[in-house]
Amino acid sequence: MTAAPASFAPDLNAPRPRSGSTMWRLGRGGWFGLVTIVVVSLACLLTLPWTLVKQVEPGYDAAAKKGLSAPQTALYERQNRAALRLPPSWYPTDDQRFITGYDRAAQDAARRAVADRTGQIYDPQVTPPTPQVTAEQVDQHRPSFWLGTDHLGRSVLARVLVGGAISLGIGLA
């Protein structure tokens, strides 16, 4: 029987590992990553009732109260044709096409709100659109999308939250 080479012999002078779990011994980067994952997970999962529950679209409350069919959609798939491709609300812009988009979206939202209050049924296909709104009402309903909208006028934030929740569900399954 031959002796094992010296390089394979255990080093008896090496420091011994500390007893107990080393799982909780994270550096700053590890703790930052862990906290980030927990916050993002909670944000995605806790906003699911807000983004997935189907609700009557704004402007159709009067129709729903009268027993007429009113479209019900979840927030993440709700389309606002007047708010196509708007930039985030925090992004400064002087571009006229974005300002025009904000104005169209605000007019549409104001008309829906006035229709809900007065008991009218809002129909954007009617020309001229009913009911008529004032400039103050339009200013109150300026759209504010934290991450902007996509090419169909859907909120990017709502879609990111739903996508994150779906990804977390797949990852945990």
N, C-alpha and C. Protein backbone atom coordinates (compact mmCIF):
# COMPACT_ATOMS: atom_id res chain seq x y z
N MET A 1 0.84 -1.15 0.00
CA MET A 1 0.00 0.00 0.00
C MET A 1 0.90 1.23 0.00
N THR A 2 0.58 2.14 -0.91
CA THR A 2 1.41 3.33 -1.02
C THR A 2 0.77 4.47 -0.25
N ALA A 3 1.56 5.35 0.21
CA ALA A 3 1.07 6.50 0.98
C ALA A 3 0.52 7.55 0.01
N ALA A 4 -0.50 8.24 0.46
CA ALA A 4 -1.11 9.29 -0.36
C ALA A 4 -0.15 10.46 -0.49
N PRO A 5 -0.15 11.10 -1.64
CA PRO A 5 0.73 12.26 -1.79
C PRO A 5 0.38 13.32 -0.75
N ALA A 6 1.33 14.15 -0.46
CA ALA A 6 1.16 15.16 0.58
C ALA A 6 0.06 16.16 0.24
N SER A 7 -0.19 16.41 -1.05
CA SER A 7 -1.18 17.40 -1.42
C SER A 7 -2.61 16.94 -1.10
N PHE A 8 -2.83 15.66 -0.94
CA PHE A 8 -4.17 15.15 -0.63
C PHE A 8 -4.39 14.95 0.86
N ALA A 9 -3.39 15.15 1.65
CA ALA A 9 -3.53 14.98 3.10
C ALA A 9 -4.27 16.19 3.67
N PRO A 10 -5.18 15.97 4.64
CA PRO A 10 -5.88 17.11 5.23
C PRO A 10 -4.92 17.98 6.01
N ASP A 11 -5.18 19.27 5.92
CA ASP A 11 -4.35 20.22 6.64
C ASP A 11 -4.90 20.34 8.05
N LEU A 12 -4.20 19.85 9.01
CA LEU A 12 -4.66 19.85 10.39
C LEU A 12 -4.55 21.22 11.04
N ASN A 13 -3.80 22.12 10.43
CA ASN A 13 -3.64 23.46 10.99
C ASN A 13 -4.64 24.47 10.39
N ALA A 14 -5.47 24.01 9.48
CA ALA A 14 -6.44 24.91 8.84
C ALA A 14 -7.50 25.34 9.85
N PRO A 15 -8.04 26.57 9.71
CA PRO A 15 -9.08 27.01 10.65
C PRO A 15 -10.35 26.19 10.46
N ARG A 16 -10.99 25.90 11.55
CA ARG A 16 -12.20 25.08 11.52
C ARG A 16 -13.39 25.97 11.18
N PRO A 17 -14.35 25.47 10.44
CA PRO A 17 -15.53 26.28 10.16
C PRO A 17 -16.31 26.53 11.45
N ARG A 18 -16.94 27.68 11.51
CA ARG A 18 -17.73 28.01 12.70
C ARG A 18 -18.95 27.11 12.74
N SER A 19 -19.37 26.84 13.93
CA SER A 19 -20.56 26.00 14.07
C SER A 19 -21.80 26.83 13.77
N GLY A 20 -22.87 26.22 13.35
CA GLY A 20 -24.11 26.93 13.03
C GLY A 20 -24.23 27.18 11.54
N SER A 21 -25.36 27.65 11.17
CA SER A 21 -25.65 27.88 9.76
C SER A 21 -24.96 29.13 9.25
N THR A 22 -24.46 29.06 8.05
CA THR A 22 -23.86 30.23 7.42
C THR A 22 -24.85 30.88 6.44
N MET A 23 -26.10 30.41 6.45
CA MET A 23 -27.08 30.92 5.52
C MET A 23 -27.39 32.40 5.75
N TRP A 24 -27.41 32.85 7.00
CA TRP A 24 -27.80 34.22 7.30
C TRP A 24 -26.62 35.18 7.30
N ARG A 25 -25.46 34.70 6.96
CA ARG A 25 -24.28 35.57 6.93
C ARG A 25 -24.09 36.10 5.52
N LEU A 26 -24.86 37.11 5.21
CA LEU A 26 -24.77 37.74 3.90
C LEU A 26 -24.06 39.07 4.01
N GLY A 27 -23.39 39.45 2.97
CA GLY A 27 -22.79 40.78 2.94
C GLY A 27 -23.85 41.81 2.59
N ARG A 28 -23.44 43.04 2.40
CA ARG A 28 -24.39 44.10 2.07
C ARG A 28 -25.10 43.81 0.75
N GLY A 29 -24.36 43.35 -0.21
CA GLY A 29 -24.96 43.04 -1.51
C GLY A 29 -25.99 41.94 -1.42
N GLY A 30 -25.71 40.93 -0.62
CA GLY A 30 -26.65 39.83 -0.45
C GLY A 30 -27.94 40.28 0.21
N TRP A 31 -27.81 41.11 1.25
CA TRP A 31 -29.00 41.63 1.92
C TRP A 31 -29.79 42.55 1.01
N PHE A 32 -29.09 43.38 0.24
CA PHE A 32 -29.77 44.28 -0.69
C PHE A 32 -30.55 43.47 -1.73
N GLY A 33 -29.94 42.43 -2.27
CA GLY A 33 -30.63 41.58 -3.24
C GLY A 33 -31.83 40.87 -2.64
N LEU A 34 -31.68 40.38 -1.43
CA LEU A 34 -32.78 39.69 -0.75
C LEU A 34 -33.95 40.64 -0.49
N VAL A 35 -33.64 41.84 0.00
CA VAL A 35 -34.69 42.82 0.26
C VAL A 35 -35.37 43.23 -1.04
N THR A 36 -34.61 43.41 -2.11
CA THR A 36 -35.18 43.78 -3.40
C THR A 36 -36.13 42.71 -3.90
N ILE A 37 -35.74 41.46 -3.81
CA ILE A 37 -36.59 40.36 -4.26
C ILE A 37 -37.88 40.31 -3.44
N VAL A 38 -37.78 40.49 -2.14
CA VAL A 38 -38.97 40.46 -1.28
C VAL A 38 -39.90 41.62 -1.62
N VAL A 39 -39.36 42.82 -1.81
CA VAL A 39 -40.21 43.98 -2.11
C VAL A 39 -40.89 43.81 -3.47
N VAL A 40 -40.16 43.38 -4.47
CA VAL A 40 -40.76 43.18 -5.80
C VAL A 40 -41.81 42.08 -5.75
N SER A 41 -41.53 41.01 -5.05
CA SER A 41 -42.50 39.92 -4.93
C SER A 41 -43.78 40.39 -4.25
N LEU A 42 -43.64 41.12 -3.16
CA LEU A 42 -44.83 41.63 -2.46
C LEU A 42 -45.60 42.61 -3.34
N ALA A 43 -44.89 43.48 -4.05
CA ALA A 43 -45.57 44.44 -4.92
C ALA A 43 -46.37 43.72 -6.00
N CYS A 44 -45.79 42.71 -6.61
CA CYS A 44 -46.50 41.97 -7.67
C CYS A 44 -47.68 41.19 -7.11
N LEU A 45 -47.49 40.52 -6.00
CA LEU A 45 -48.55 39.67 -5.48
C LEU A 45 -49.67 40.46 -4.81
N LEU A 46 -49.34 41.54 -4.12
CA LEU A 46 -50.37 42.30 -3.42
C LEU A 46 -51.21 43.17 -4.35
N THR A 47 -50.71 43.45 -5.55
CA THR A 47 -51.49 44.26 -6.49
C THR A 47 -52.33 43.41 -7.43
N LEU A 48 -52.30 42.10 -7.31
CA LEU A 48 -53.11 41.25 -8.19
C LEU A 48 -54.61 41.55 -8.09
N PRO A 49 -55.18 41.74 -6.89
CA PRO A 49 -56.61 42.07 -6.87
C PRO A 49 -56.91 43.39 -7.60
N TRP A 50 -56.00 44.33 -7.55
CA TRP A 50 -56.20 45.61 -8.21
C TRP A 50 -56.11 45.47 -9.73
N THR A 51 -55.22 44.61 -10.21
CA THR A 51 -55.00 44.51 -11.65
C THR A 51 -55.84 43.45 -12.33
N LEU A 52 -56.28 42.41 -11.62
CA LEU A 52 -56.96 41.29 -12.27
C LEU A 52 -58.47 41.30 -12.14
N VAL A 53 -59.02 42.00 -11.14
CA VAL A 53 -60.46 41.99 -10.93
C VAL A 53 -61.13 42.77 -12.06
N LYS A 54 -62.14 42.15 -12.66
CA LYS A 54 -62.85 42.82 -13.75
C LYS A 54 -63.83 43.83 -13.16
N GLN A 55 -63.79 45.04 -13.71
CA GLN A 55 -64.64 46.12 -13.24
C GLN A 55 -65.31 46.76 -14.44
N VAL A 56 -66.43 47.43 -14.17
CA VAL A 56 -67.11 48.16 -15.23
C VAL A 56 -66.21 49.32 -15.63
N GLU A 57 -66.02 49.49 -16.92
CA GLU A 57 -65.15 50.56 -17.39
C GLU A 57 -65.74 51.92 -17.08
N PRO A 58 -64.89 52.93 -16.87
CA PRO A 58 -65.39 54.27 -16.59
C PRO A 58 -66.26 54.77 -17.74
N GLY A 59 -67.35 55.42 -17.40
CA GLY A 59 -68.26 55.92 -18.41
C GLY A 59 -69.43 55.00 -18.69
N TYR A 60 -69.41 53.81 -18.12
CA TYR A 60 -70.48 52.85 -18.36
C TYR A 60 -71.25 52.51 -17.09
N ASP A 61 -71.01 53.26 -16.00
CA ASP A 61 -71.73 53.00 -14.75
C ASP A 61 -73.23 53.21 -14.93
N ALA A 62 -73.61 54.24 -15.68
CA ALA A 62 -75.03 54.51 -15.89
C ALA A 62 -75.68 53.36 -16.66
N ALA A 63 -74.98 52.81 -17.64
CA ALA A 63 -75.53 51.69 -18.41
C ALA A 63 -75.68 50.46 -17.52
N ALA A 64 -74.70 50.22 -16.64
CA ALA A 64 -74.78 49.07 -15.75
C ALA A 64 -75.94 49.21 -14.78
N LYS A 65 -76.19 50.43 -14.29
CA LYS A 65 -77.29 50.65 -13.35
C LYS A 65 -78.65 50.47 -14.03
N LYS A 66 -78.71 50.76 -15.32
CA LYS A 66 -79.97 50.61 -16.06
C LYS A 66 -80.19 49.18 -16.54
N GLY A 67 -79.24 48.29 -16.24
CA GLY A 67 -79.38 46.91 -16.63
C GLY A 67 -78.87 46.62 -18.03
N LEU A 68 -78.28 47.60 -18.68
CA LEU A 68 -77.71 47.39 -20.01
C LEU A 68 -76.34 46.75 -19.89
N SER A 69 -75.89 46.14 -20.95
CA SER A 69 -74.58 45.51 -20.90
C SER A 69 -73.51 46.59 -20.90
N ALA A 70 -72.58 46.44 -19.99
CA ALA A 70 -71.46 47.37 -19.87
C ALA A 70 -70.18 46.55 -19.91
N PRO A 71 -69.19 47.01 -20.67
CA PRO A 71 -67.94 46.23 -20.74
C PRO A 71 -67.24 46.17 -19.39
N GLN A 72 -66.81 44.97 -19.06
CA GLN A 72 -66.05 44.76 -17.83
C GLN A 72 -64.70 44.19 -18.21
N THR A 73 -63.65 44.89 -17.83
CA THR A 73 -62.31 44.43 -18.14
C THR A 73 -61.43 44.61 -16.92
N ALA A 74 -60.37 43.82 -16.88
CA ALA A 74 -59.37 43.97 -15.82
C ALA A 74 -58.49 45.17 -16.16
N LEU A 75 -57.87 45.76 -15.15
CA LEU A 75 -57.07 46.96 -15.35
C LEU A 75 -55.92 46.72 -16.31
N TYR A 76 -55.29 45.55 -16.26
CA TYR A 76 -54.11 45.33 -17.09
C TYR A 76 -54.45 45.20 -18.57
N GLU A 77 -55.72 44.94 -18.89
CA GLU A 77 -56.08 44.83 -20.30
C GLU A 77 -57.00 45.96 -20.76
N ARG A 78 -57.27 46.92 -19.89
CA ARG A 78 -58.13 48.05 -20.24
C ARG A 78 -57.39 48.95 -21.22
N GLN A 79 -58.05 49.27 -22.30
CA GLN A 79 -57.45 50.10 -23.34
C GLN A 79 -58.06 51.48 -23.34
N ASN A 80 -57.24 52.47 -23.44
CA ASN A 80 -57.69 53.85 -23.56
C ASN A 80 -57.15 54.35 -24.89
N ARG A 81 -57.99 54.30 -25.91
CA ARG A 81 -57.55 54.65 -27.26
C ARG A 81 -57.07 56.09 -27.36
N ALA A 82 -57.52 56.94 -26.45
CA ALA A 82 -57.08 58.34 -26.50
C ALA A 82 -55.69 58.51 -25.91
N ALA A 83 -55.17 57.51 -25.20
CA ALA A 83 -53.88 57.63 -24.51
C ALA A 83 -52.83 56.71 -25.13
N LEU A 84 -52.77 56.66 -26.43
CA LEU A 84 -51.83 55.76 -27.10
C LEU A 84 -50.40 56.26 -26.96
N ARG A 85 -49.52 55.39 -26.52
CA ARG A 85 -48.08 55.63 -26.43
C ARG A 85 -47.72 56.92 -25.70
N LEU A 86 -48.33 57.14 -24.56
CA LEU A 86 -47.96 58.30 -23.76
C LEU A 86 -46.70 57.99 -22.97
N PRO A 87 -45.84 58.98 -22.76
CA PRO A 87 -44.64 58.76 -21.95
C PRO A 87 -45.00 58.69 -20.47
N PRO A 88 -44.08 58.26 -19.62
CA PRO A 88 -44.35 58.25 -18.18
C PRO A 88 -44.70 59.65 -17.68
N SER A 89 -45.45 59.70 -16.58
CA SER A 89 -45.91 60.99 -16.06
C SER A 89 -44.76 61.84 -15.55
N TRP A 90 -43.64 61.24 -15.17
CA TRP A 90 -42.51 61.99 -14.64
C TRP A 90 -41.56 62.47 -15.73
N TYR A 91 -41.79 62.08 -16.98
CA TYR A 91 -40.89 62.41 -18.06
C TYR A 91 -41.23 63.79 -18.64
N PRO A 92 -40.32 64.76 -18.58
CA PRO A 92 -40.64 66.09 -19.11
C PRO A 92 -40.61 66.07 -20.64
N THR A 93 -41.66 66.60 -21.25
CA THR A 93 -41.70 66.64 -22.70
C THR A 93 -42.42 67.88 -23.18
N ASP A 94 -41.93 68.43 -24.27
CA ASP A 94 -42.59 69.54 -24.93
C ASP A 94 -43.06 69.12 -26.32
N ASP A 95 -42.96 67.84 -26.61
CA ASP A 95 -43.34 67.32 -27.92
C ASP A 95 -44.85 67.48 -28.12
N GLN A 96 -45.25 68.10 -29.21
CA GLN A 96 -46.66 68.41 -29.44
C GLN A 96 -47.51 67.15 -29.57
N ARG A 97 -46.95 66.06 -30.11
CA ARG A 97 -47.80 64.87 -30.27
C ARG A 97 -48.13 64.24 -28.92
N PHE A 98 -47.23 64.36 -27.93
CA PHE A 98 -47.55 63.85 -26.60
C PHE A 98 -48.57 64.75 -25.91
N ILE A 99 -48.43 66.06 -26.09
CA ILE A 99 -49.39 66.99 -25.49
C ILE A 99 -50.77 66.75 -26.09
N THR A 100 -50.83 66.52 -27.40
CA THR A 100 -52.11 66.21 -28.05
C THR A 100 -52.69 64.91 -27.50
N GLY A 101 -51.84 63.92 -27.28
CA GLY A 101 -52.30 62.65 -26.71
C GLY A 101 -52.85 62.83 -25.31
N TYR A 102 -52.17 63.64 -24.49
CA TYR A 102 -52.66 63.92 -23.15
C TYR A 102 -54.02 64.62 -23.21
N ASP A 103 -54.16 65.58 -24.12
CA ASP A 103 -55.42 66.30 -24.24
C ASP A 103 -56.56 65.38 -24.66
N ARG A 104 -56.31 64.51 -25.64
CA ARG A 104 -57.36 63.58 -26.07
C ARG A 104 -57.76 62.65 -24.94
N ALA A 105 -56.77 62.12 -24.21
CA ALA A 105 -57.06 61.22 -23.10
C ALA A 105 -57.81 61.94 -21.99
N ALA A 106 -57.43 63.18 -21.71
CA ALA A 106 -58.11 63.95 -20.67
C ALA A 106 -59.55 64.26 -21.07
N GLN A 107 -59.78 64.62 -22.32
CA GLN A 107 -61.14 64.89 -22.78
C GLN A 107 -62.00 63.63 -22.70
N ASP A 108 -61.43 62.51 -23.09
CA ASP A 108 -62.17 61.25 -23.03
C ASP A 108 -62.52 60.90 -21.59
N ALA A 109 -61.56 61.03 -20.67
CA ALA A 109 -61.81 60.71 -19.26
C ALA A 109 -62.83 61.67 -18.66
N ALA A 110 -62.76 62.94 -19.02
CA ALA A 110 -63.72 63.92 -18.49
C ALA A 110 -65.13 63.62 -19.00
N ARG A 111 -65.25 63.25 -20.26
CA ARG A 111 -66.57 62.92 -20.80
C ARG A 111 -67.15 61.69 -20.09
N ARG A 112 -66.31 60.70 -19.83
CA ARG A 112 -66.78 59.51 -19.11
C ARG A 112 -67.25 59.87 -17.71
N ALA A 113 -66.48 60.72 -17.02
CA ALA A 113 -66.84 61.10 -15.65
C ALA A 113 -68.14 61.89 -15.62
N VAL A 114 -68.32 62.82 -16.56
CA VAL A 114 -69.56 63.60 -16.61
C VAL A 114 -70.74 62.69 -16.95
N ALA A 115 -70.53 61.75 -17.84
CA ALA A 115 -71.60 60.81 -18.19
C ALA A 115 -72.00 59.98 -16.97
N ASP A 116 -71.03 59.55 -16.17
CA ASP A 116 -71.35 58.78 -14.97
C ASP A 116 -72.15 59.62 -13.97
N ARG A 117 -71.76 60.88 -13.79
CA ARG A 117 -72.46 61.74 -12.83
C ARG A 117 -73.86 62.10 -13.27
N THR A 118 -74.05 62.31 -14.56
CA THR A 118 -75.37 62.76 -15.04
C THR A 118 -76.29 61.60 -15.40
N GLY A 119 -75.78 60.38 -15.35
CA GLY A 119 -76.61 59.22 -15.66
C GLY A 119 -76.75 58.96 -17.14
N GLN A 120 -75.93 59.61 -17.96
CA GLN A 120 -75.96 59.36 -19.40
C GLN A 120 -75.10 58.16 -19.72
N ILE A 121 -75.33 57.60 -20.89
CA ILE A 121 -74.50 56.50 -21.37
C ILE A 121 -73.48 57.09 -22.32
N TYR A 122 -72.22 56.87 -22.02
CA TYR A 122 -71.14 57.45 -22.83
C TYR A 122 -70.93 56.59 -24.05
N ASP A 123 -70.97 57.21 -25.21
CA ASP A 123 -70.70 56.50 -26.46
C ASP A 123 -69.73 57.32 -27.28
N PRO A 124 -68.45 56.91 -27.35
CA PRO A 124 -67.47 57.71 -28.07
C PRO A 124 -67.70 57.74 -29.57
N GLN A 125 -68.56 56.87 -30.10
CA GLN A 125 -68.83 56.84 -31.54
C GLN A 125 -69.80 57.94 -31.98
N VAL A 126 -70.53 58.52 -31.02
CA VAL A 126 -71.48 59.56 -31.35
C VAL A 126 -70.73 60.84 -31.70
N THR A 127 -71.17 61.53 -32.77
CA THR A 127 -70.53 62.78 -33.16
C THR A 127 -71.53 63.91 -33.05
N PRO A 128 -71.30 64.96 -32.33
CA PRO A 128 -70.15 65.20 -31.46
C PRO A 128 -70.25 64.35 -30.20
N PRO A 129 -69.11 64.03 -29.60
CA PRO A 129 -69.15 63.18 -28.41
C PRO A 129 -69.97 63.83 -27.30
N THR A 130 -70.79 63.05 -26.68
CA THR A 130 -71.61 63.55 -25.57
C THR A 130 -71.07 62.97 -24.29
N PRO A 131 -71.18 63.64 -23.22
CA PRO A 131 -71.57 65.03 -23.01
C PRO A 131 -70.40 65.96 -23.26
N GLN A 132 -70.70 67.24 -23.40
CA GLN A 132 -69.65 68.24 -23.59
C GLN A 132 -69.01 68.55 -22.24
N VAL A 133 -67.72 68.83 -22.26
CA VAL A 133 -67.00 69.08 -21.02
C VAL A 133 -66.31 70.44 -21.11
N THR A 134 -66.00 70.98 -19.94
CA THR A 134 -65.31 72.27 -19.87
C THR A 134 -63.81 72.04 -19.76
N ALA A 135 -63.05 73.11 -19.93
CA ALA A 135 -61.59 73.01 -19.85
C ALA A 135 -61.14 72.61 -18.45
N GLU A 136 -61.86 73.06 -17.41
CA GLU A 136 -61.49 72.69 -16.03
C GLU A 136 -61.68 71.19 -15.81
N GLN A 137 -62.75 70.65 -16.36
CA GLN A 137 -62.97 69.21 -16.21
C GLN A 137 -61.90 68.42 -16.95
N VAL A 138 -61.48 68.93 -18.09
CA VAL A 138 -60.41 68.25 -18.84
C VAL A 138 -59.11 68.28 -18.03
N ASP A 139 -58.79 69.43 -17.44
CA ASP A 139 -57.56 69.55 -16.64
C ASP A 139 -57.56 68.61 -15.45
N GLN A 140 -58.71 68.35 -14.85
CA GLN A 140 -58.80 67.45 -13.71
C GLN A 140 -58.53 66.00 -14.11
N HIS A 141 -58.74 65.66 -15.35
CA HIS A 141 -58.63 64.27 -15.78
C HIS A 141 -57.43 64.02 -16.67
N ARG A 142 -56.39 64.80 -16.54
CA ARG A 142 -55.18 64.55 -17.32
C ARG A 142 -54.64 63.17 -16.93
N PRO A 143 -54.26 62.37 -17.89
CA PRO A 143 -53.78 61.03 -17.56
C PRO A 143 -52.43 61.08 -16.86
N SER A 144 -52.24 60.15 -15.96
CA SER A 144 -50.98 60.05 -15.24
C SER A 144 -50.60 58.58 -15.16
N PHE A 145 -49.72 58.16 -16.02
CA PHE A 145 -49.26 56.78 -16.05
C PHE A 145 -47.80 56.77 -15.61
N TRP A 146 -47.49 56.08 -14.54
CA TRP A 146 -46.13 56.08 -13.98
C TRP A 146 -45.10 55.61 -14.98
N LEU A 147 -45.44 54.58 -15.76
CA LEU A 147 -44.50 54.06 -16.75
C LEU A 147 -44.97 54.30 -18.18
N GLY A 148 -46.00 55.12 -18.35
CA GLY A 148 -46.50 55.40 -19.69
C GLY A 148 -47.50 54.35 -20.17
N THR A 149 -47.84 54.42 -21.46
CA THR A 149 -48.78 53.48 -22.05
C THR A 149 -48.16 52.82 -23.27
N ASP A 150 -48.73 51.69 -23.66
CA ASP A 150 -48.24 51.01 -24.85
C ASP A 150 -49.01 51.49 -26.07
N HIS A 151 -48.85 50.80 -27.19
CA HIS A 151 -49.47 51.24 -28.44
C HIS A 151 -50.98 51.03 -28.47
N LEU A 152 -51.54 50.36 -27.46
CA LEU A 152 -52.99 50.20 -27.37
C LEU A 152 -53.59 51.03 -26.25
N GLY A 153 -52.78 51.85 -25.59
CA GLY A 153 -53.28 52.71 -24.54
C GLY A 153 -53.41 52.02 -23.19
N ARG A 154 -52.73 50.90 -23.00
CA ARG A 154 -52.79 50.18 -21.72
C ARG A 154 -51.64 50.63 -20.83
N SER A 155 -51.88 50.66 -19.54
CA SER A 155 -50.87 51.08 -18.57
C SER A 155 -49.73 50.06 -18.53
N VAL A 156 -48.52 50.54 -18.72
CA VAL A 156 -47.35 49.65 -18.69
C VAL A 156 -47.11 49.16 -17.27
N LEU A 157 -47.33 50.00 -16.26
CA LEU A 157 -47.13 49.58 -14.87
C LEU A 157 -48.03 48.41 -14.51
N ALA A 158 -49.30 48.48 -14.85
CA ALA A 158 -50.22 47.39 -14.53
C ALA A 158 -49.79 46.10 -15.23
N ARG A 159 -49.33 46.21 -16.45
CA ARG A 159 -48.91 45.01 -17.19
C ARG A 159 -47.61 44.43 -16.62
N VAL A 160 -46.70 45.29 -16.15
CA VAL A 160 -45.46 44.81 -15.53
C VAL A 160 -45.77 44.08 -14.23
N LEU A 161 -46.68 44.63 -13.42
CA LEU A 161 -47.04 43.98 -12.15
C LEU A 161 -47.68 42.62 -12.39
N VAL A 162 -48.58 42.53 -13.35
CA VAL A 162 -49.22 41.24 -13.63
C VAL A 162 -48.19 40.25 -14.19
N GLY A 163 -47.33 40.72 -15.08
CA GLY A 163 -46.29 39.84 -15.62
C GLY A 163 -45.34 39.35 -14.55
N GLY A 164 -44.99 40.23 -13.61
CA GLY A 164 -44.12 39.82 -12.50
C GLY A 164 -44.79 38.78 -11.61
N ALA A 165 -46.06 38.97 -11.34
CA ALA A 165 -46.78 38.00 -10.52
C ALA A 165 -46.87 36.64 -11.22
N ILE A 166 -47.11 36.66 -12.51
CA ILE A 166 -47.17 35.40 -13.26
C ILE A 166 -45.80 34.72 -13.25
N SER A 167 -44.74 35.49 -13.45
CA SER A 167 -43.39 34.92 -13.42
C SER A 167 -43.07 34.34 -12.06
N LEU A 168 -43.45 35.05 -10.99
CA LEU A 168 -43.20 34.53 -9.64
C LEU A 168 -43.98 33.24 -9.41
N GLY A 169 -45.22 33.20 -9.90
CA GLY A 169 -46.00 31.98 -9.75
C GLY A 169 -45.38 30.80 -10.47
N ILE A 170 -44.86 31.05 -11.66
CA ILE A 170 -44.19 29.97 -12.41
C ILE A 170 -42.91 29.56 -11.71
N GLY A 171 -42.16 30.55 -11.20
CA GLY A 171 -40.90 30.25 -10.52
C GLY A 171 -41.09 29.48 -9.23
N LEU A 172 -42.18 29.74 -8.53
CA LEU A 172 -42.44 29.03 -7.27
C LEU A 172 -43.10 27.68 -7.47
N ALA A 173 -43.67 27.46 -8.64
CA ALA A 173 -44.36 26.18 -8.89
C ALA A 173 -43.40 25.04 -9.11
